Protein backbone atom coordinates (compact mmCIF):
# COMPACT_ATOMS: atom_id res chain seq x y z
CA MET A 1 18.85 -33.83 -32.60
CA PHE A 2 15.84 -35.75 -31.36
CA LYS A 3 17.81 -36.90 -28.29
CA SER A 4 18.73 -33.32 -27.39
CA ILE A 5 15.13 -32.16 -27.62
CA LYS A 6 14.13 -35.14 -25.52
CA ASN A 7 16.86 -34.31 -23.04
CA ILE A 8 15.75 -30.67 -22.80
CA SER A 9 12.14 -31.74 -22.33
CA THR A 10 13.13 -34.26 -19.64
CA LYS A 11 15.15 -31.55 -17.76
CA PHE A 12 12.31 -29.08 -18.02
CA LYS A 13 9.85 -31.66 -16.76
CA SER A 14 12.03 -32.69 -13.86
CA SER A 15 12.65 -29.10 -12.82
CA TYR A 16 8.90 -28.33 -13.10
CA VAL A 17 7.96 -31.31 -10.93
CA SER A 18 10.73 -30.45 -8.42
CA THR A 19 9.51 -26.86 -8.12
CA ALA A 20 5.87 -27.96 -7.79
CA GLN A 21 6.83 -30.40 -5.05
CA LYS A 22 8.74 -27.70 -3.16
CA ILE A 23 5.83 -25.29 -3.41
CA ALA A 24 3.32 -27.95 -2.29
CA ALA A 25 5.51 -28.91 0.66
CA ALA A 26 5.99 -25.28 1.64
CA SER A 27 2.27 -24.62 1.53
CA VAL A 28 1.44 -27.70 3.65
CA SER A 29 4.29 -27.47 6.19
CA PRO A 30 6.47 -24.41 5.73
CA SER A 31 9.81 -24.21 7.47
CA GLU A 32 10.79 -21.18 9.56
CA LYS A 33 13.16 -19.96 6.83
CA GLN A 34 10.41 -20.12 4.20
CA VAL A 35 7.99 -18.25 6.43
CA ARG A 36 10.56 -15.58 7.09
CA SER A 37 11.25 -15.25 3.36
CA VAL A 38 7.59 -14.95 2.52
CA LEU A 39 7.00 -12.35 5.20
CA PHE A 40 10.08 -10.42 4.10
CA VAL A 41 8.85 -10.30 0.46
CA LEU A 42 5.35 -9.38 1.65
CA GLY A 43 6.79 -6.51 3.84
CA LEU A 44 8.99 -5.29 1.03
CA THR A 45 6.02 -5.30 -1.35
CA VAL A 46 3.85 -3.33 1.06
CA LEU A 47 6.65 -0.89 1.70
CA VAL A 48 7.36 -0.30 -1.99
CA PHE A 49 3.69 0.18 -2.92
CA GLY A 50 3.01 2.27 0.17
CA LEU A 51 5.88 4.62 -0.55
CA THR A 52 4.90 5.01 -4.15
CA ASP A 53 1.89 7.06 -3.27
CA GLY A 54 3.90 9.41 -1.08
CA ILE A 55 6.57 9.82 -3.68
CA THR A 56 4.10 10.77 -6.40
CA ALA A 57 1.87 12.95 -4.21
CA GLN A 58 3.26 16.22 -5.52
CA GLY A 59 4.57 14.89 -8.80
CA GLN A 60 4.06 16.92 -11.98
CA TRP A 61 2.79 14.00 -14.08
CA ASN A 62 0.85 15.96 -16.68
CA GLY A 63 1.11 19.45 -15.36
CA THR A 64 -2.28 19.40 -13.54
CA THR A 65 -1.04 19.05 -9.98
CA LYS A 66 -0.67 22.36 -8.19
CA TYR A 67 0.19 22.73 -4.55
CA ASN A 68 -0.25 25.94 -2.60
CA ASP A 69 1.32 25.86 0.83
CA ALA A 70 0.65 29.46 1.82
CA ARG A 71 -1.72 28.52 4.68
CA ILE A 72 0.75 25.95 6.04
CA ALA A 73 3.55 28.46 5.80
CA ASN A 74 1.50 31.09 7.67
CA ALA A 75 0.62 28.65 10.43
CA VAL A 76 4.28 27.55 10.82
CA ASN A 77 5.39 31.13 10.76
CA ALA A 78 2.91 31.99 13.58
CA VAL A 79 4.12 29.04 15.73
CA LEU A 80 7.76 29.95 15.21
CA THR A 81 7.06 33.60 16.02
CA TYR A 82 5.56 32.53 19.36
CA LEU A 83 8.50 30.24 20.09
CA GLU A 84 11.01 33.01 19.27
CA GLY A 85 9.07 35.57 21.31
CA THR A 86 8.04 35.81 24.91
CA PHE A 87 6.54 32.30 24.94
CA GLY A 88 9.89 30.90 23.73
CA ALA A 89 11.64 32.74 26.56
CA LEU A 90 9.20 31.25 29.01
CA VAL A 91 9.79 27.74 27.63
CA MET A 92 13.57 28.28 27.79
CA ALA A 93 13.48 29.61 31.37
CA ALA A 94 11.24 26.75 32.61
CA ALA A 95 13.42 24.12 30.80
CA GLY A 96 16.58 25.69 32.18
CA ILE A 97 15.24 25.69 35.73
CA GLY A 98 14.02 22.15 35.25
CA ALA A 99 17.43 21.12 33.95
CA ILE A 100 19.20 22.62 36.97
CA LEU A 101 16.78 20.94 39.37
CA SER A 102 17.04 17.58 37.58
CA ALA A 103 20.84 17.74 37.65
CA ALA A 104 20.72 18.65 41.37
CA PHE A 105 18.65 15.47 42.06
CA GLY A 106 20.86 13.25 39.96
CA GLN A 107 18.48 12.93 36.94
CA TYR A 108 21.19 13.68 34.35
CA LYS A 109 19.23 12.22 31.41
CA ALA A 110 16.22 14.43 32.21
CA ALA A 111 18.57 17.43 32.66
CA LEU A 112 20.08 16.81 29.25
CA SER A 113 16.64 16.42 27.66
CA LEU A 114 15.50 19.73 29.21
CA MET A 115 18.59 21.48 27.95
CA VAL A 116 17.81 20.19 24.44
CA VAL A 117 14.29 21.64 24.83
CA ALA A 118 15.68 24.98 25.99
CA ILE A 119 18.18 25.27 23.20
CA GLY A 120 15.70 23.91 20.61
CA ALA A 121 13.17 26.59 21.43
CA PHE A 122 15.85 29.16 20.72
CA ILE A 123 17.15 27.74 17.40
CA LEU A 124 14.08 26.06 15.95
CA ARG A 125 13.81 28.36 12.98
CA SER A 126 17.47 27.76 12.14
CA LEU A 127 16.96 24.00 12.36
CA MET A 128 14.00 24.12 10.11
CA SER A 129 15.84 26.20 7.49
CA THR A 130 18.71 23.66 7.66
CA PHE A 131 16.65 20.49 7.18
CA PHE A 132 13.52 21.55 5.37
CA ASN A 133 12.46 23.74 2.44
CA ASP A 134 11.33 26.84 4.25
CA ALA A 135 11.22 29.35 1.44
CA GLY A 136 7.67 30.35 2.33
CA VAL A 137 8.30 30.40 6.08
CA GLN A 138 10.88 33.18 6.25
CA GLN A 139 10.15 36.15 8.52
């Protein structure tokens, strides 16, 4: 029994010394793999703790957090009303003409981008209702 305790203590001591030597060597002259590992762990830690605040921003921890988005909904509704009205028609016409001119001059990427702008001005409210919670932004 005494030999098994001594064996365990010797194994523990050797693993402790080995770990301490590796840490000391890494702190004095780290390899590229060790630096990447440390930076990865540091980045992951910053990401986790940074996202925690955003996740709990509107959480109902003890029932005291209330969030009223009426002003934001009114502002978004005003912007969407402009985009769906005469200003949106102007944006669509200008983007359509720009797309035709860009395609005529061989700038097909620009023409495609302008077509996305033209179509996006027309269907922006539909896109918002598809991807976001827009219960307060309805017409």
